[in-house]
Amino acid sequence: MTPETPSASSRLWWKLVRFGFRLLYHEMAFTYDSVANVVSLGQWWDWQRCALDFLPTPNEGRILELAHGTGRFFMDLHQRGYDVTGYDFSRQMSRIAANRLRKHQLPRRLVRGRAQQLPFPSGIFAAVVSTFPTPFIVEEETIAEVRRVLMPGRCLVFVPSGVLTRGGAAKTILEGAYQVTGQRGPWNMDIEDRFGKYGFHVAPHTVELPRSMVTVIVAQLT
C-alpha cells in the first residue's frame, strides 16, 4: 500500500502553518513572549527551566544555547552561574535578546547563524541546550555539528514540548491548536537511530508540573 497523497487543501494548510511560525520567529518576533505565555497558560518559562536539572554543573565548562530566542532562558542560565553563549538564526530574536541582556547588565555573548554550521572550535562546550526548537534540532547536519563542538562524553539537552494537563476549557482549546499545527504526535523519524549514528545515546524524560508535563530529551555522547 502506498502512502496517501496529501490533498491540495492539506498542503495549503501546512504551508500556512510554516509561514505562521516563520513570522513568529522573525518579523513578528516581538510578539513571541506574549504568544508563548498565552499558549502555555503562563507556564512557558517553567517548561524551559525543566532543562536545568539535566545540565552539568556550572563549573564543568561552557554551555551553548541553540535558538536562544528572546533571551529569557539565557538569563536563567547566567543566573545559575553558567558561562553561556547564545546562538540563533533570527536577526529579530537576536536584537530582542541583546536588548534584554543589556537592560539587565548581563554579558551579551550572542552569535547569529545556522545550527547546521556552528562557528565554534571543536570540543569546547560541556553541554548544548535548546528549548522548544524547530525541527532543525533533529537534522543530521545539526547533530553532526553539536557532536563536533561538545567535549567527549557530554550531552545535548532539549525540550521539545510541554503538555497542558489542567486548565479547563482553555486547556482543551489550546491542546487542539497544538494538534492541528503539528506540535503533537510522534517524531517522523526514529530519533534514537538518528542520534545513534553520531555516537549519542538518547534518553527521554518526563517532568511533571502542577498543571502540565514537560518532555526533556538528553542525548549523551557515548
Protein backbone atom coordinates (compact mmCIF):
# COMPACT_ATOMS: atom_id res chain seq x y z
CA MET A 1 0.00 0.00 0.00
CA THR A 2 1.40 3.40 -0.95
CA PRO A 3 1.08 6.42 1.36
CA GLU A 4 -1.91 8.61 0.67
CA THR A 5 -1.04 11.74 -1.30
CA PRO A 6 -1.86 14.89 0.71
CA SER A 7 -4.78 16.88 -0.68
CA ALA A 8 -4.36 20.38 -2.05
CA SER A 9 -6.16 21.82 0.99
CA SER A 10 -3.85 19.87 3.33
CA ARG A 11 -0.74 21.13 1.53
CA LEU A 12 -2.07 24.68 1.71
CA TRP A 13 -2.77 24.34 5.44
CA TRP A 14 0.77 23.18 6.22
CA LYS A 15 2.22 25.98 4.10
CA LEU A 16 0.20 28.45 6.16
CA VAL A 17 1.35 26.84 9.42
CA ARG A 18 5.00 27.05 8.37
CA PHE A 19 4.51 30.66 7.28
CA GLY A 20 2.93 31.50 10.63
CA PHE A 21 5.84 30.05 12.55
CA ARG A 22 8.29 31.85 10.30
CA LEU A 23 6.60 35.15 11.12
CA LEU A 24 6.66 34.36 14.84
CA TYR A 25 10.40 33.67 14.83
CA HIS A 26 11.33 36.54 12.54
CA GLU A 27 9.18 39.53 11.52
CA MET A 28 6.75 39.08 14.43
CA ALA A 29 9.38 38.04 16.99
CA PHE A 30 8.34 40.95 19.22
CA THR A 31 5.11 39.01 19.95
CA TYR A 32 6.88 35.75 20.86
CA ASP A 33 6.88 36.13 24.64
CA SER A 34 3.21 37.10 24.73
CA VAL A 35 2.22 34.22 22.44
CA ALA A 36 4.28 31.74 24.46
CA ASN A 37 2.67 32.92 27.67
CA VAL A 38 -0.85 32.53 26.25
CA VAL A 39 -0.41 29.10 24.62
CA SER A 40 1.16 27.65 27.79
CA LEU A 41 -1.32 29.25 30.20
CA GLY A 42 1.60 31.09 31.77
CA GLN A 43 3.88 28.07 32.13
CA TRP A 44 6.31 28.54 29.22
CA TRP A 45 9.21 29.75 31.34
CA ASP A 46 8.71 26.91 33.84
CA TRP A 47 8.77 24.50 30.90
CA GLN A 48 12.08 25.95 29.75
CA ARG A 49 13.62 25.69 33.20
CA CYS A 50 12.97 21.94 33.26
CA ALA A 51 16.14 21.62 31.17
CA LEU A 52 18.29 22.97 34.00
CA ASP A 53 18.15 19.78 36.07
CA PHE A 54 19.70 17.78 33.21
CA LEU A 55 22.71 20.02 32.56
CA PRO A 56 26.17 19.54 34.04
CA THR A 57 27.15 21.83 36.91
CA PRO A 58 28.36 25.34 36.00
CA ASN A 59 31.97 24.55 36.96
CA GLU A 60 32.20 21.79 34.34
CA GLY A 61 32.52 24.13 31.38
CA ARG A 62 30.84 26.42 28.90
CA ILE A 63 27.24 25.99 27.71
CA LEU A 64 25.89 26.68 24.23
CA GLU A 65 22.21 27.61 23.95
CA LEU A 66 20.88 26.88 20.47
CA ALA A 67 17.96 29.07 19.37
CA HIS A 68 18.20 31.48 22.31
CA GLY A 69 15.06 33.33 21.20
CA THR A 70 14.20 36.38 23.28
CA GLY A 71 16.91 35.65 25.86
CA ARG A 72 14.82 34.61 28.87
CA PHE A 73 16.40 31.17 29.27
CA PHE A 74 19.82 32.68 28.60
CA MET A 75 19.21 34.83 31.68
CA ASP A 76 18.21 31.76 33.72
CA LEU A 77 21.43 30.02 32.71
CA HIS A 78 23.53 33.05 33.60
CA GLN A 79 21.81 33.43 36.96
CA ARG A 80 22.59 29.77 37.72
CA GLY A 81 26.26 30.56 37.21
CA TYR A 82 26.76 29.14 33.72
CA ASP A 83 29.23 30.57 31.23
CA VAL A 84 26.75 30.61 28.35
CA THR A 85 26.92 31.56 24.69
CA GLY A 86 23.65 32.07 22.81
CA TYR A 87 23.15 31.20 19.15
CA ASP A 88 20.16 31.98 16.92
CA PHE A 89 19.39 32.34 13.22
CA SER A 90 16.80 35.09 13.64
CA ARG A 91 18.13 38.63 13.42
CA GLN A 92 15.00 39.90 15.18
CA MET A 93 15.33 37.44 18.07
CA SER A 94 19.00 38.36 18.44
CA ARG A 95 18.10 42.04 18.70
CA ILE A 96 15.40 41.39 21.32
CA ALA A 97 17.70 39.16 23.37
CA ALA A 98 20.58 41.65 23.21
CA ASN A 99 18.32 44.46 24.42
CA ARG A 100 17.03 42.30 27.28
CA LEU A 101 20.53 41.37 28.40
CA ARG A 102 21.71 44.98 28.10
CA LYS A 103 18.80 46.12 30.26
CA HIS A 104 19.81 43.64 32.97
CA GLN A 105 23.52 44.47 32.57
CA LEU A 106 24.39 40.89 31.59
CA PRO A 107 27.10 39.84 29.14
CA ARG A 108 25.76 39.69 25.60
CA ARG A 109 27.56 36.65 24.23
CA LEU A 110 25.18 36.13 21.33
CA VAL A 111 26.15 34.80 17.91
CA ARG A 112 23.91 34.66 14.85
CA GLY A 113 23.87 31.82 12.34
CA ARG A 114 22.51 28.40 11.38
CA ALA A 115 22.68 25.44 13.77
CA GLN A 116 23.87 23.32 10.85
CA GLN A 117 27.04 25.44 10.63
CA LEU A 118 28.30 26.29 14.11
CA PRO A 119 31.17 28.82 14.05
CA PHE A 120 32.91 27.38 17.12
CA PRO A 121 36.04 25.26 17.60
CA SER A 122 35.62 21.56 18.22
CA GLY A 123 35.21 20.18 21.73
CA ILE A 124 34.69 23.42 23.66
CA PHE A 125 31.24 23.03 25.24
CA ALA A 126 30.29 20.98 28.29
CA ALA A 127 26.67 20.89 27.04
CA VAL A 128 24.39 22.20 24.34
CA VAL A 129 20.84 23.11 25.32
CA SER A 130 17.77 24.13 23.35
CA THR A 131 14.21 24.78 24.48
CA PHE A 132 11.31 24.41 22.05
CA PRO A 133 13.47 24.35 18.93
CA THR A 134 12.06 23.94 15.44
CA PRO A 135 12.85 20.66 13.59
CA PHE A 136 16.41 21.83 12.87
CA ILE A 137 17.36 20.14 16.14
CA VAL A 138 16.96 16.64 14.66
CA GLU A 139 18.50 17.38 11.27
CA GLU A 140 21.63 15.34 10.66
CA GLU A 141 23.73 18.41 9.90
CA THR A 142 22.80 19.89 13.28
CA ILE A 143 23.51 16.66 15.15
CA ALA A 144 26.91 16.36 13.50
CA GLU A 145 27.79 19.94 14.43
CA VAL A 146 26.59 19.52 18.01
CA ARG A 147 28.73 16.41 18.33
CA ARG A 148 31.73 18.29 16.98
CA VAL A 149 31.55 21.20 19.45
CA LEU A 150 30.84 19.04 22.52
CA MET A 151 33.55 17.80 24.83
CA PRO A 152 33.90 13.99 24.87
CA GLY A 153 31.14 12.29 26.83
CA ARG A 154 28.99 15.40 27.08
CA CYS A 155 25.36 15.97 26.12
CA LEU A 156 22.73 17.82 24.17
CA VAL A 157 19.64 18.63 26.26
CA PHE A 158 16.49 19.85 24.56
CA VAL A 159 12.87 20.44 25.49
CA PRO A 160 10.62 19.59 22.52
CA SER A 161 7.22 20.01 24.16
CA GLY A 162 5.09 20.78 27.17
CA VAL A 163 1.59 19.31 27.51
CA LEU A 164 -1.18 21.01 29.45
CA THR A 165 -2.89 18.70 31.95
CA ARG A 166 -5.10 21.24 33.70
CA GLY A 167 -6.81 24.42 32.66
CA GLY A 168 -10.39 23.51 31.83
CA ALA A 169 -11.82 24.71 28.53
CA ALA A 170 -8.73 26.80 27.78
CA LYS A 171 -6.56 23.70 28.05
CA THR A 172 -8.84 21.77 25.68
CA ILE A 173 -8.79 24.57 23.10
CA LEU A 174 -5.03 25.05 23.28
CA GLU A 175 -4.25 21.34 23.07
CA GLY A 176 -6.47 21.19 19.99
CA ALA A 177 -4.48 24.05 18.49
CA TYR A 178 -1.22 22.21 19.21
CA GLN A 179 -2.60 19.17 17.38
CA VAL A 180 -3.73 20.96 14.23
CA THR A 181 -0.43 22.85 13.95
CA GLY A 182 1.62 19.65 14.10
CA GLN A 183 3.07 20.13 17.59
CA ARG A 184 1.80 16.85 18.98
CA GLY A 185 2.32 13.25 17.96
CA PRO A 186 5.39 11.09 17.24
CA TRP A 187 8.58 12.17 15.53
CA ASN A 188 8.66 11.48 11.80
CA MET A 189 11.86 9.51 12.28
CA ASP A 190 13.48 7.24 14.88
CA ILE A 191 15.47 9.79 16.87
CA GLU A 192 17.41 7.09 18.71
CA ASP A 193 18.71 5.75 15.40
CA ARG A 194 19.37 9.21 14.03
CA PHE A 195 21.35 10.40 17.06
CA GLY A 196 22.94 6.97 17.45
CA LYS A 197 24.62 7.38 14.05
CA TYR A 198 26.61 10.20 15.59
CA GLY A 199 27.54 8.47 18.83
CA PHE A 200 24.70 9.67 21.06
CA HIS A 201 22.55 7.65 23.43
CA VAL A 202 19.07 9.21 23.66
CA ALA A 203 17.07 9.19 26.89
CA PRO A 204 13.65 10.88 27.09
CA HIS A 205 12.46 12.19 30.46
CA THR A 206 9.05 13.40 31.61
CA VAL A 207 8.88 16.17 34.20
CA GLU A 208 5.52 16.55 35.94
CA LEU A 209 4.50 20.04 36.97
CA PRO A 210 1.30 21.00 38.83
CA ARG A 211 -0.62 21.82 35.63
CA SER A 212 1.42 20.25 32.85
CA MET A 213 4.00 17.68 31.78
CA VAL A 214 7.24 18.51 30.03
CA THR A 215 9.39 16.27 27.84
CA VAL A 216 13.15 16.65 28.14
CA ILE A 217 15.44 14.76 25.75
CA VAL A 218 19.02 14.05 26.82
CA ALA A 219 21.36 12.93 24.02
CA GLN A 220 24.58 11.77 25.68
CA LEU A 221 27.79 11.18 23.79
CA THR A 222 28.98 7.64 24.43
